Amino acid sequence: MSSANSTKDHDKIKSWIEKHDGKPAIVKGTEDDGDGAGLLRVKFSNDDDLEEVEWQEFFSTFDESDLSFLYQDDKDSRFFKFVKGH
């Protein structure tokens, strides 16, 4: 297992998600009165609990929530995690 990297760079995050056939998403029902996207996730399949969002909305919430993206560079690994700060 390779070690995890951390980034706040939007281009790196988008590239990693797309390289792993994912799409930006939120958990349905976690939006906060229309001001934010809700709990961020990556949608890899037809998961009914996740709702796809536009990249702009995804990264706006990412920045407002002061998150970092932890991930592995291993092409076969889909390990990722959103963490506060970092």
Protein backbone atom coordinates (compact mmCIF):
# COMPACT_ATOMS: atom_id res chain seq x y z
CA MET A 1 0.00 0.00 0.00
CA SER A 2 1.41 3.38 -0.95
CA SER A 3 1.37 6.36 1.36
CA ALA A 4 -1.25 9.09 1.14
CA ASN A 5 -0.62 12.51 -0.35
CA SER A 6 -2.45 15.67 0.64
CA THR A 7 -3.45 18.58 -1.58
CA LYS A 8 -5.74 21.58 -1.82
CA ASP A 9 -4.92 22.07 -5.51
CA HIS A 10 -8.13 21.95 -7.55
CA ASP A 11 -6.42 20.75 -10.73
CA LYS A 12 -4.74 17.83 -8.95
CA ILE A 13 -7.99 16.84 -7.24
CA LYS A 14 -10.02 17.02 -10.45
CA SER A 15 -7.37 15.06 -12.34
CA TRP A 16 -7.25 12.30 -9.69
CA ILE A 17 -11.05 11.99 -9.57
CA GLU A 18 -11.40 11.86 -13.35
CA LYS A 19 -8.48 9.43 -13.72
CA HIS A 20 -10.34 7.09 -11.37
CA ASP A 21 -13.62 7.45 -13.32
CA GLY A 22 -15.24 9.49 -10.56
CA LYS A 23 -17.47 12.54 -10.55
CA PRO A 24 -17.88 15.34 -7.99
CA ALA A 25 -20.83 14.64 -5.72
CA ILE A 26 -22.55 15.33 -2.42
CA VAL A 27 -24.56 13.17 -0.05
CA LYS A 28 -28.22 13.82 -0.83
CA GLY A 29 -30.03 15.80 1.84
CA THR A 30 -26.93 17.44 3.33
CA GLU A 31 -27.26 20.79 1.57
CA ASP A 32 -27.43 23.70 4.01
CA ASP A 33 -30.35 25.91 2.92
CA GLY A 34 -28.93 26.33 -0.58
CA ASP A 35 -25.77 28.09 0.59
CA GLY A 36 -23.43 25.10 0.27
CA ALA A 37 -23.24 21.83 -1.56
CA GLY A 38 -23.29 19.64 1.54
CA LEU A 39 -21.04 16.70 2.40
CA LEU A 40 -18.58 16.21 -0.44
CA ARG A 41 -18.01 12.79 -1.94
CA VAL A 42 -16.74 11.23 -5.14
CA LYS A 43 -19.27 9.23 -7.12
CA PHE A 44 -17.73 6.18 -8.76
CA SER A 45 -20.92 4.35 -9.75
CA ASN A 46 -24.68 4.63 -9.70
CA ASP A 47 -24.89 5.27 -5.96
CA ASP A 48 -28.41 6.56 -5.26
CA ASP A 49 -27.29 8.28 -2.04
CA LEU A 50 -24.97 10.60 -3.96
CA GLU A 51 -25.92 13.50 -6.18
CA GLU A 52 -23.53 14.73 -8.85
CA VAL A 53 -22.65 18.44 -8.69
CA GLU A 54 -20.74 20.81 -10.95
CA TRP A 55 -17.02 21.26 -10.34
CA GLN A 56 -17.52 24.94 -9.44
CA GLU A 57 -19.99 24.08 -6.66
CA PHE A 58 -17.79 21.21 -5.49
CA PHE A 59 -14.67 23.35 -5.16
CA SER A 60 -16.56 26.29 -3.67
CA THR A 61 -17.72 24.05 -0.84
CA PHE A 62 -14.27 22.44 -0.61
CA ASP A 63 -12.63 25.85 -0.09
CA GLU A 64 -15.31 27.25 2.23
CA SER A 65 -15.02 24.15 4.42
CA ASP A 66 -11.19 24.47 4.55
CA LEU A 67 -10.72 20.88 3.38
CA SER A 68 -7.72 18.99 2.06
CA PHE A 69 -7.86 15.98 -0.22
CA LEU A 70 -5.91 12.90 0.90
CA TYR A 71 -5.26 10.38 -1.85
CA GLN A 72 -2.92 7.68 -3.12
CA ASP A 73 -1.08 7.99 -6.43
CA ASP A 74 -1.40 4.25 -7.04
CA LYS A 75 -3.49 3.95 -10.23
CA ASP A 76 -5.33 0.92 -8.82
CA SER A 77 -6.21 2.58 -5.52
CA ARG A 78 -9.38 4.59 -5.03
CA PHE A 79 -8.35 5.59 -1.51
CA PHE A 80 -9.25 9.19 -0.81
CA LYS A 81 -10.53 11.21 2.10
CA PHE A 82 -11.59 14.80 2.71
CA VAL A 83 -10.07 16.19 5.90
CA LYS A 84 -10.42 19.51 7.67
CA GLY A 85 -7.43 21.85 7.29
CA HIS A 86 -4.23 19.86 6.95
